[in-house]
Amino acid sequence: MPDLRHREGGAEQDRRDQDEGPRQRLVSLTPRELDVLALIAEGHSNAAIARGLVVTEAAVGKHVGNILAKLDLPPSQEVNRRVLAVLAYLRGGAR
């Protein structure tokens, strides 16, 4: 498990370094993927996103998978990838 305690200057810099990658990769998302990510950021479930965009839940799942892949957020037991994607979106100034 990573050390989550604050280190003088180190923890904040580590966070900034980790955030840079996904933020820079936001530009690779399609307009529809950005729509899906925006709705995730608003707290919507895949089912709610599917209803709102009038697509299947499977299509939303595919978009979410593409978003996570493009942001280079591999599966992890340590962190929630959807939260990391939303943080990249919010910090990247998307929309």
C-alpha atoms as a PDB file:
ATOM      1  CA  MET A   1       0.000   0.000   0.000  1.00  0.00           C
ATOM      2  CA  PRO A   2       1.375   3.422  -0.869  1.00  0.00           C
ATOM      3  CA  ASP A   3       2.415   5.773   1.885  1.00  0.00           C
ATOM      4  CA  LEU A   4      -0.452   8.256   2.136  1.00  0.00           C
ATOM      5  CA  ARG A   5       1.024  10.340   4.942  1.00  0.00           C
ATOM      6  CA  HIS A   6       2.010  13.895   4.196  1.00  0.00           C
ATOM      7  CA  ARG A   7       5.687  14.376   3.471  1.00  0.00           C
ATOM      8  CA  GLU A   8       7.082  17.870   3.486  1.00  0.00           C
ATOM      9  CA  GLY A   9       6.674  19.059  -0.086  1.00  0.00           C
ATOM     10  CA  GLY A  10       6.693  15.507  -1.380  1.00  0.00           C
ATOM     11  CA  ALA A  11       3.066  14.394  -1.113  1.00  0.00           C
ATOM     12  CA  GLU A  12       1.656  17.441  -2.857  1.00  0.00           C
ATOM     13  CA  GLN A  13       4.255  17.229  -5.630  1.00  0.00           C
ATOM     14  CA  ASP A  14       3.572  13.486  -6.022  1.00  0.00           C
ATOM     15  CA  ARG A  15      -0.146  14.265  -6.417  1.00  0.00           C
ATOM     16  CA  ARG A  16       0.558  16.923  -9.022  1.00  0.00           C
ATOM     17  CA  ASP A  17       2.862  14.565 -10.938  1.00  0.00           C
ATOM     18  CA  GLN A  18       0.262  11.774 -10.882  1.00  0.00           C
ATOM     19  CA  ASP A  19      -2.477  14.149 -12.073  1.00  0.00           C
ATOM     20  CA  GLU A  20      -0.534  15.553 -15.025  1.00  0.00           C
ATOM     21  CA  GLY A  21      -0.715  12.416 -17.154  1.00  0.00           C
ATOM     22  CA  PRO A  22      -4.485  11.916 -17.187  1.00  0.00           C
ATOM     23  CA  ARG A  23      -5.107  15.657 -17.519  1.00  0.00           C
ATOM     24  CA  GLN A  24      -2.912  15.870 -20.604  1.00  0.00           C
ATOM     25  CA  ARG A  25      -4.663  12.843 -22.116  1.00  0.00           C
ATOM     26  CA  LEU A  26      -8.114  14.470 -21.854  1.00  0.00           C
ATOM     27  CA  VAL A  27      -7.567  15.911 -25.319  1.00  0.00           C
ATOM     28  CA  SER A  28      -7.654  12.390 -26.768  1.00  0.00           C
ATOM     29  CA  LEU A  29     -11.265  11.852 -25.640  1.00  0.00           C
ATOM     30  CA  THR A  30     -14.045  12.049 -28.212  1.00  0.00           C
ATOM     31  CA  PRO A  31     -16.895  14.517 -27.696  1.00  0.00           C
ATOM     32  CA  ARG A  32     -19.169  11.612 -26.628  1.00  0.00           C
ATOM     33  CA  GLU A  33     -16.569  10.340 -24.158  1.00  0.00           C
ATOM     34  CA  LEU A  34     -16.349  13.849 -22.704  1.00  0.00           C
ATOM     35  CA  ASP A  35     -20.159  13.873 -22.396  1.00  0.00           C
ATOM     36  CA  VAL A  36     -20.045  10.579 -20.509  1.00  0.00           C
ATOM     37  CA  LEU A  37     -17.202  11.783 -18.281  1.00  0.00           C
ATOM     38  CA  ALA A  38     -19.098  14.989 -17.501  1.00  0.00           C
ATOM     39  CA  LEU A  39     -22.125  12.944 -16.440  1.00  0.00           C
ATOM     40  CA  ILE A  40     -19.926  10.678 -14.309  1.00  0.00           C
ATOM     41  CA  ALA A  41     -18.550  13.852 -12.693  1.00  0.00           C
ATOM     42  CA  GLU A  42     -22.138  14.843 -11.861  1.00  0.00           C
ATOM     43  CA  GLY A  43     -22.530  11.532 -10.029  1.00  0.00           C
ATOM     44  CA  HIS A  44     -24.685   9.643 -12.530  1.00  0.00           C
ATOM     45  CA  SER A  45     -24.598   5.855 -12.778  1.00  0.00           C
ATOM     46  CA  ASN A  46     -24.029   4.082 -16.080  1.00  0.00           C
ATOM     47  CA  ALA A  47     -27.755   3.281 -16.225  1.00  0.00           C
ATOM     48  CA  ALA A  48     -28.707   6.937 -15.707  1.00  0.00           C
ATOM     49  CA  ILE A  49     -26.171   8.062 -18.311  1.00  0.00           C
ATOM     50  CA  ALA A  50     -27.581   5.537 -20.796  1.00  0.00           C
ATOM     51  CA  ARG A  51     -31.111   6.824 -20.241  1.00  0.00           C
ATOM     52  CA  GLY A  52     -30.013  10.462 -20.558  1.00  0.00           C
ATOM     53  CA  LEU A  53     -28.015   9.905 -23.744  1.00  0.00           C
ATOM     54  CA  VAL A  54     -30.555   7.448 -25.170  1.00  0.00           C
ATOM     55  CA  VAL A  55     -28.006   4.677 -25.641  1.00  0.00           C
ATOM     56  CA  THR A  56     -27.627   1.221 -24.141  1.00  0.00           C
ATOM     57  CA  GLU A  57     -25.922   0.687 -20.818  1.00  0.00           C
ATOM     58  CA  ALA A  58     -23.415  -1.489 -22.691  1.00  0.00           C
ATOM     59  CA  ALA A  59     -22.538   1.497 -24.893  1.00  0.00           C
ATOM     60  CA  VAL A  60     -21.927   3.611 -21.796  1.00  0.00           C
ATOM     61  CA  GLY A  61     -19.751   0.833 -20.358  1.00  0.00           C
ATOM     62  CA  LYS A  62     -17.745   0.826 -23.584  1.00  0.00           C
ATOM     63  CA  HIS A  63     -17.304   4.611 -23.403  1.00  0.00           C
ATOM     64  CA  VAL A  64     -16.210   4.357 -19.757  1.00  0.00           C
ATOM     65  CA  GLY A  65     -13.685   1.657 -20.681  1.00  0.00           C
ATOM     66  CA  ASN A  66     -12.339   3.842 -23.487  1.00  0.00           C
ATOM     67  CA  ILE A  67     -12.083   6.834 -21.146  1.00  0.00           C
ATOM     68  CA  LEU A  68     -10.154   4.841 -18.545  1.00  0.00           C
ATOM     69  CA  ALA A  69      -7.842   3.393 -21.201  1.00  0.00           C
ATOM     70  CA  LYS A  70      -7.170   6.761 -22.842  1.00  0.00           C
ATOM     71  CA  LEU A  71      -6.444   8.328 -19.456  1.00  0.00           C
ATOM     72  CA  ASP A  72      -4.097   5.397 -18.726  1.00  0.00           C
ATOM     73  CA  LEU A  73      -5.946   4.394 -15.567  1.00  0.00           C
ATOM     74  CA  PRO A  74      -5.418   0.623 -15.253  1.00  0.00           C
ATOM     75  CA  PRO A  75      -7.429  -1.551 -12.859  1.00  0.00           C
ATOM     76  CA  SER A  76      -6.282  -1.176  -9.265  1.00  0.00           C
ATOM     77  CA  GLN A  77      -7.265  -2.418  -5.835  1.00  0.00           C
ATOM     78  CA  GLU A  78      -5.857   0.782  -4.342  1.00  0.00           C
ATOM     79  CA  VAL A  79      -7.877   3.514  -6.074  1.00  0.00           C
ATOM     80  CA  ASN A  80     -11.210   4.107  -7.791  1.00  0.00           C
ATOM     81  CA  ARG A  81     -10.456   4.779 -11.461  1.00  0.00           C
ATOM     82  CA  ARG A  82     -13.737   6.603 -12.061  1.00  0.00           C
ATOM     83  CA  VAL A  83     -12.838   9.064  -9.307  1.00  0.00           C
ATOM     84  CA  LEU A  84      -9.373   9.578 -10.818  1.00  0.00           C
ATOM     85  CA  ALA A  85     -10.946  10.186 -14.233  1.00  0.00           C
ATOM     86  CA  VAL A  86     -13.327  12.749 -12.736  1.00  0.00           C
ATOM     87  CA  LEU A  87     -10.463  14.485 -10.934  1.00  0.00           C
ATOM     88  CA  ALA A  88      -8.514  14.694 -14.186  1.00  0.00           C
ATOM     89  CA  TYR A  89     -11.623  16.112 -15.881  1.00  0.00           C
ATOM     90  CA  LEU A  90     -12.243  18.714 -13.176  1.00  0.00           C
ATOM     91  CA  ARG A  91      -8.589  19.732 -12.861  1.00  0.00           C
ATOM     92  CA  GLY A  92      -8.126  19.787 -16.621  1.00  0.00           C
ATOM     93  CA  GLY A  93     -10.753  22.447 -17.057  1.00  0.00           C
ATOM     94  CA  ALA A  94     -12.773  20.361 -19.509  1.00  0.00           C
ATOM     95  CA  ARG A  95     -15.939  22.070 -20.721  1.00  0.00           C
END
